[in-house]
N, C-alpha and C. Protein backbone atom coordinates (compact mmCIF):
# COMPACT_ATOMS: atom_id res chain seq x y z
N MET A 1 112.97 -13.86 -2.11
CA MET A 1 113.21 -13.67 -3.54
C MET A 1 112.68 -14.84 -4.40
N PHE A 2 112.83 -16.02 -3.89
CA PHE A 2 112.35 -17.24 -4.50
C PHE A 2 110.76 -17.17 -4.57
N LEU A 3 110.14 -16.63 -3.54
CA LEU A 3 108.69 -16.57 -3.49
C LEU A 3 108.17 -15.67 -4.48
N VAL A 4 108.82 -14.43 -4.72
CA VAL A 4 108.48 -13.48 -5.75
C VAL A 4 108.58 -14.07 -7.14
N ARG A 5 109.67 -14.76 -7.37
CA ARG A 5 109.96 -15.30 -8.66
C ARG A 5 108.84 -16.35 -8.94
N GLN A 6 108.49 -17.19 -8.02
CA GLN A 6 107.53 -18.24 -8.21
C GLN A 6 106.13 -17.66 -8.50
N ILE A 7 105.77 -16.52 -7.81
CA ILE A 7 104.49 -15.86 -8.06
C ILE A 7 104.42 -15.27 -9.42
N LEU A 8 105.50 -14.63 -9.81
CA LEU A 8 105.58 -14.13 -11.17
C LEU A 8 105.51 -15.15 -12.25
N GLU A 9 106.19 -16.26 -11.99
CA GLU A 9 106.15 -17.38 -13.00
C GLU A 9 104.76 -18.00 -13.02
N SER A 10 104.00 -18.07 -11.91
CA SER A 10 102.62 -18.51 -11.91
C SER A 10 101.74 -17.52 -12.72
N PHE A 11 101.99 -16.27 -12.59
CA PHE A 11 101.12 -15.30 -13.31
C PHE A 11 101.41 -15.50 -14.87
N ARG A 12 102.69 -15.51 -15.24
CA ARG A 12 102.98 -15.73 -16.64
C ARG A 12 102.42 -17.00 -17.17
N PHE A 13 102.49 -18.09 -16.43
CA PHE A 13 101.89 -19.35 -16.81
C PHE A 13 100.33 -19.18 -17.03
N ALA A 14 99.71 -18.48 -16.04
CA ALA A 14 98.21 -18.32 -16.21
C ALA A 14 97.79 -17.43 -17.46
N ILE A 15 98.67 -16.39 -17.64
CA ILE A 15 98.34 -15.56 -18.81
C ILE A 15 98.55 -16.28 -20.06
N THR A 16 99.59 -17.13 -20.14
CA THR A 16 99.92 -17.93 -21.37
C THR A 16 98.74 -18.97 -21.55
N ALA A 17 98.23 -19.52 -20.51
CA ALA A 17 97.18 -20.52 -20.65
C ALA A 17 95.84 -19.81 -21.08
N LEU A 18 95.61 -18.65 -20.60
CA LEU A 18 94.38 -17.90 -21.03
C LEU A 18 94.49 -17.49 -22.43
N LYS A 19 95.63 -17.10 -22.90
CA LYS A 19 95.87 -16.67 -24.32
C LYS A 19 95.77 -17.90 -25.29
N SER A 20 96.31 -19.01 -24.87
CA SER A 20 96.29 -20.24 -25.71
C SER A 20 94.90 -20.80 -25.88
N ASN A 21 94.06 -20.73 -24.80
CA ASN A 21 92.73 -21.31 -24.79
C ASN A 21 91.74 -20.20 -24.74
N LEU A 22 91.69 -19.21 -25.72
CA LEU A 22 90.92 -18.08 -25.79
C LEU A 22 89.41 -18.42 -25.72
N LEU A 23 88.98 -19.42 -26.65
CA LEU A 23 87.56 -19.74 -26.72
C LEU A 23 87.14 -20.27 -25.24
N ARG A 24 87.94 -21.25 -24.68
CA ARG A 24 87.53 -21.74 -23.41
C ARG A 24 87.48 -20.54 -22.32
N THR A 25 88.36 -19.66 -22.41
CA THR A 25 88.30 -18.49 -21.52
C THR A 25 87.08 -17.70 -21.61
N ILE A 26 86.71 -17.42 -22.92
CA ILE A 26 85.56 -16.59 -23.21
C ILE A 26 84.26 -17.36 -22.85
N LEU A 27 84.18 -18.58 -23.05
CA LEU A 27 83.01 -19.40 -22.71
C LEU A 27 82.86 -19.59 -21.17
N SER A 28 84.04 -19.69 -20.52
CA SER A 28 83.96 -19.80 -19.02
C SER A 28 83.47 -18.48 -18.38
N LEU A 29 83.95 -17.42 -18.93
CA LEU A 29 83.50 -16.05 -18.43
C LEU A 29 82.05 -15.84 -18.71
N LEU A 30 81.54 -16.22 -19.86
CA LEU A 30 80.14 -16.07 -20.34
C LEU A 30 79.33 -16.99 -19.40
N GLY A 31 79.70 -18.23 -19.08
CA GLY A 31 78.97 -19.04 -18.16
C GLY A 31 78.87 -18.51 -16.82
N VAL A 32 79.93 -17.95 -16.26
CA VAL A 32 79.89 -17.36 -14.91
C VAL A 32 79.01 -16.14 -15.00
N THR A 33 79.12 -15.30 -16.00
CA THR A 33 78.26 -14.14 -16.10
C THR A 33 76.81 -14.51 -16.19
N VAL A 34 76.47 -15.41 -17.01
CA VAL A 34 75.04 -15.81 -17.18
C VAL A 34 74.53 -16.48 -15.88
N GLY A 35 75.32 -17.21 -15.12
CA GLY A 35 74.92 -17.76 -13.90
C GLY A 35 74.71 -16.74 -12.82
N ILE A 36 75.51 -15.70 -12.76
CA ILE A 36 75.38 -14.61 -11.75
C ILE A 36 74.06 -13.93 -12.13
N PHE A 37 73.88 -13.56 -13.32
CA PHE A 37 72.65 -12.82 -13.71
C PHE A 37 71.40 -13.70 -13.54
N ALA A 38 71.48 -14.97 -13.67
CA ALA A 38 70.37 -15.81 -13.38
C ALA A 38 70.00 -15.80 -11.95
N ILE A 39 71.00 -15.89 -11.03
CA ILE A 39 70.73 -15.95 -9.60
C ILE A 39 70.13 -14.59 -9.22
N ILE A 40 70.70 -13.50 -9.73
CA ILE A 40 70.18 -12.16 -9.52
C ILE A 40 68.66 -12.07 -9.92
N ALA A 41 68.32 -12.62 -11.09
CA ALA A 41 67.00 -12.49 -11.67
C ALA A 41 66.05 -13.33 -10.74
N VAL A 42 66.43 -14.46 -10.35
CA VAL A 42 65.64 -15.35 -9.46
C VAL A 42 65.39 -14.73 -8.19
N LEU A 43 66.36 -14.10 -7.54
CA LEU A 43 66.22 -13.41 -6.29
C LEU A 43 65.32 -12.17 -6.37
N THR A 44 65.48 -11.45 -7.46
CA THR A 44 64.58 -10.36 -7.71
C THR A 44 63.21 -10.66 -7.90
N MET A 45 62.91 -11.81 -8.64
CA MET A 45 61.57 -12.32 -8.87
C MET A 45 60.93 -12.75 -7.55
N VAL A 46 61.66 -13.48 -6.64
CA VAL A 46 61.16 -13.91 -5.42
C VAL A 46 60.80 -12.73 -4.51
N ASP A 47 61.75 -11.68 -4.51
CA ASP A 47 61.41 -10.48 -3.61
C ASP A 47 60.18 -9.79 -4.20
N SER A 48 60.09 -9.64 -5.52
CA SER A 48 58.95 -9.01 -6.06
C SER A 48 57.66 -9.83 -5.78
N LEU A 49 57.70 -11.05 -5.95
CA LEU A 49 56.48 -11.88 -5.60
C LEU A 49 56.07 -11.76 -4.15
N GLU A 50 57.08 -11.80 -3.21
CA GLU A 50 56.80 -11.61 -1.83
C GLU A 50 56.20 -10.30 -1.50
N LYS A 51 56.77 -9.27 -2.13
CA LYS A 51 56.17 -7.87 -1.99
C LYS A 51 54.76 -7.83 -2.49
N ASN A 52 54.47 -8.43 -3.59
CA ASN A 52 53.15 -8.44 -4.21
C ASN A 52 52.11 -9.20 -3.27
N ILE A 53 52.53 -10.31 -2.67
CA ILE A 53 51.70 -11.04 -1.84
C ILE A 53 51.33 -10.25 -0.62
N LYS A 54 52.38 -9.57 -0.03
CA LYS A 54 52.24 -8.78 1.19
C LYS A 54 51.28 -7.57 0.87
N ASP A 55 51.46 -6.95 -0.29
CA ASP A 55 50.64 -5.83 -0.61
C ASP A 55 49.24 -6.27 -0.91
N SER A 56 49.00 -7.40 -1.46
CA SER A 56 47.56 -7.96 -1.67
C SER A 56 46.92 -8.33 -0.44
N LEU A 57 47.59 -8.68 0.58
CA LEU A 57 46.99 -9.03 1.91
C LEU A 57 46.96 -7.87 2.80
N ASN A 58 47.48 -6.76 2.43
CA ASN A 58 47.44 -5.47 3.34
C ASN A 58 46.06 -5.00 3.36
N PHE A 59 45.22 -5.37 2.48
CA PHE A 59 43.83 -4.77 2.53
C PHE A 59 43.07 -5.23 3.76
N LEU A 60 43.57 -6.37 4.39
CA LEU A 60 42.88 -6.81 5.57
C LEU A 60 43.04 -5.97 6.65
N GLY A 61 44.18 -5.23 6.69
CA GLY A 61 44.41 -4.32 7.88
C GLY A 61 45.04 -4.98 9.02
N SER A 62 45.28 -4.07 9.99
CA SER A 62 45.99 -4.66 11.25
C SER A 62 45.08 -4.89 12.34
N SER A 63 43.78 -4.70 12.06
CA SER A 63 42.80 -4.98 13.18
C SER A 63 41.98 -6.28 12.92
N VAL A 64 42.57 -7.12 12.19
CA VAL A 64 41.92 -8.44 11.94
C VAL A 64 42.43 -9.49 12.94
N ILE A 65 41.53 -10.24 13.49
CA ILE A 65 41.83 -11.26 14.42
C ILE A 65 41.46 -12.66 13.73
N TYR A 66 42.39 -13.65 13.77
CA TYR A 66 42.22 -14.91 13.24
C TYR A 66 42.12 -15.87 14.46
N VAL A 67 41.16 -16.72 14.45
CA VAL A 67 41.01 -17.79 15.38
C VAL A 67 41.19 -19.14 14.64
N GLU A 68 42.34 -19.78 14.86
CA GLU A 68 42.63 -21.03 14.07
C GLU A 68 43.27 -21.99 15.07
N LYS A 69 43.23 -23.29 14.60
CA LYS A 69 43.84 -24.36 15.44
C LYS A 69 45.39 -24.25 15.20
N TRP A 70 45.75 -24.04 14.04
CA TRP A 70 47.23 -23.96 13.67
C TRP A 70 47.66 -22.55 13.59
N PRO A 71 48.89 -22.23 14.02
CA PRO A 71 49.45 -20.87 13.92
C PRO A 71 49.78 -20.56 12.48
N PHE A 72 49.72 -19.33 12.13
CA PHE A 72 50.22 -18.91 10.80
C PHE A 72 51.73 -18.75 10.89
N ASN A 73 52.45 -19.80 10.76
CA ASN A 73 53.85 -19.84 11.03
C ASN A 73 54.57 -20.49 9.85
N THR A 74 55.52 -19.81 9.35
CA THR A 74 56.31 -20.32 8.25
C THR A 74 57.65 -20.98 8.64
N ASP A 75 57.92 -20.96 10.01
CA ASP A 75 59.16 -21.46 10.48
C ASP A 75 59.10 -23.03 10.41
N PRO A 76 60.12 -23.64 9.72
CA PRO A 76 60.07 -25.07 9.69
C PRO A 76 60.28 -25.85 10.94
N ASP A 77 60.83 -25.16 11.97
CA ASP A 77 61.16 -25.77 13.28
C ASP A 77 60.08 -25.48 14.38
N PHE A 78 58.88 -25.11 13.94
CA PHE A 78 57.89 -24.82 14.96
C PHE A 78 57.36 -26.16 15.51
N ALA A 79 56.99 -26.12 16.84
CA ALA A 79 56.50 -27.41 17.49
C ALA A 79 55.08 -27.66 17.19
N TRP A 80 54.84 -28.40 16.09
CA TRP A 80 53.51 -28.62 15.61
C TRP A 80 52.73 -29.67 16.55
N TRP A 81 53.54 -30.40 17.33
CA TRP A 81 52.86 -31.36 18.23
C TRP A 81 52.12 -30.67 19.32
N GLU A 82 52.46 -29.45 19.60
CA GLU A 82 51.78 -28.61 20.64
C GLU A 82 50.39 -28.25 20.16
N TYR A 83 50.13 -28.16 18.88
CA TYR A 83 48.83 -27.70 18.34
C TYR A 83 47.98 -28.83 17.94
N LEU A 84 48.48 -30.08 17.97
CA LEU A 84 47.76 -31.23 17.46
C LEU A 84 46.51 -31.45 18.28
N ARG A 85 46.54 -31.30 19.57
CA ARG A 85 45.37 -31.59 20.37
C ARG A 85 44.35 -30.36 20.48
N ARG A 86 44.65 -29.30 19.89
CA ARG A 86 43.72 -28.15 19.95
C ARG A 86 42.49 -28.48 19.12
N PRO A 87 41.30 -28.05 19.64
CA PRO A 87 40.08 -28.22 18.91
C PRO A 87 40.00 -27.35 17.65
N ASN A 88 39.20 -27.85 16.65
CA ASN A 88 38.93 -26.95 15.59
C ASN A 88 37.89 -25.89 15.95
N ALA A 89 37.97 -24.79 15.19
CA ALA A 89 36.96 -23.71 15.53
C ALA A 89 35.51 -24.25 15.09
N SER A 90 34.61 -24.05 15.94
CA SER A 90 33.26 -24.61 15.70
C SER A 90 32.25 -23.49 15.28
N TYR A 91 31.12 -23.84 14.85
CA TYR A 91 29.99 -22.83 14.50
C TYR A 91 29.52 -22.21 15.79
N ASN A 92 29.49 -22.88 16.93
CA ASN A 92 29.12 -22.34 18.20
C ASN A 92 30.02 -21.18 18.60
N GLU A 93 31.28 -21.28 18.37
CA GLU A 93 32.19 -20.28 18.72
C GLU A 93 32.04 -19.04 17.69
N TYR A 94 31.68 -19.33 16.51
CA TYR A 94 31.36 -18.23 15.55
C TYR A 94 30.18 -17.49 16.10
N ARG A 95 29.07 -18.13 16.46
CA ARG A 95 27.88 -17.53 17.01
C ARG A 95 28.22 -16.62 18.27
N PHE A 96 29.08 -17.31 19.05
CA PHE A 96 29.51 -16.44 20.34
C PHE A 96 30.22 -15.17 19.96
N LEU A 97 31.15 -15.29 19.02
CA LEU A 97 31.86 -14.08 18.60
C LEU A 97 30.91 -13.08 17.99
N GLN A 98 29.91 -13.56 17.21
CA GLN A 98 28.92 -12.63 16.59
C GLN A 98 28.07 -11.91 17.70
N SER A 99 27.76 -12.63 18.80
CA SER A 99 26.95 -11.99 19.83
C SER A 99 27.82 -11.18 20.69
N ALA A 100 28.95 -11.55 21.06
CA ALA A 100 29.90 -10.82 22.00
C ALA A 100 30.53 -9.57 21.48
N LEU A 101 30.93 -9.62 20.17
CA LEU A 101 31.53 -8.44 19.54
C LEU A 101 30.50 -7.46 19.00
N LYS A 102 30.55 -6.31 19.52
CA LYS A 102 29.51 -5.32 19.10
C LYS A 102 29.91 -4.40 18.01
N HIS A 103 31.23 -4.11 17.89
CA HIS A 103 31.69 -3.02 16.97
C HIS A 103 32.50 -3.76 15.84
N GLN A 104 32.21 -4.88 15.46
CA GLN A 104 32.95 -5.54 14.40
C GLN A 104 32.23 -5.09 13.01
N SER A 105 32.95 -5.09 11.92
CA SER A 105 32.29 -4.78 10.69
C SER A 105 31.91 -6.10 10.00
N ALA A 106 32.59 -7.19 10.26
CA ALA A 106 32.25 -8.56 9.68
C ALA A 106 32.96 -9.62 10.50
N ILE A 107 32.25 -10.76 10.48
CA ILE A 107 32.86 -11.97 11.09
C ILE A 107 32.62 -13.07 10.05
N ALA A 108 33.71 -13.83 9.89
CA ALA A 108 33.58 -15.02 8.89
C ALA A 108 34.13 -16.21 9.62
N ILE A 109 33.69 -17.32 9.07
CA ILE A 109 34.23 -18.62 9.58
C ILE A 109 34.73 -19.44 8.44
N PHE A 110 35.72 -20.19 8.70
CA PHE A 110 36.30 -21.16 7.65
C PHE A 110 36.41 -22.43 8.31
N ALA A 111 35.68 -23.47 7.77
CA ALA A 111 35.74 -24.84 8.23
C ALA A 111 36.55 -25.64 7.29
N GLY A 112 37.63 -26.17 7.71
CA GLY A 112 38.43 -26.96 6.87
C GLY A 112 39.29 -27.94 7.74
N ARG A 113 39.97 -28.84 6.94
CA ARG A 113 40.97 -29.69 7.69
C ARG A 113 42.26 -29.21 7.87
């Protein structure tokens, strides 16, 4: 019985506080609403941007082979030190691929650091 009375008294106190500070209540609700909408908008933009990038790279197709020193990995915990001693792709390897692959439509090389 005491617990029920204390809960009811707490609700009455909360309603009285909300009514007496109406401007603060409205501004708090407005701030929370704007914050939630901002988070939703940012997440929607990030998803849209990610989809746009994936769609723009889809033209490469699934039959493309990349030969690189470093993996195309976005995981922050990948073991980069395992790839440090790998050699960079050279022009000789490019020429080898050109001569060895007979049914390719194109071969390109990218030389960078």
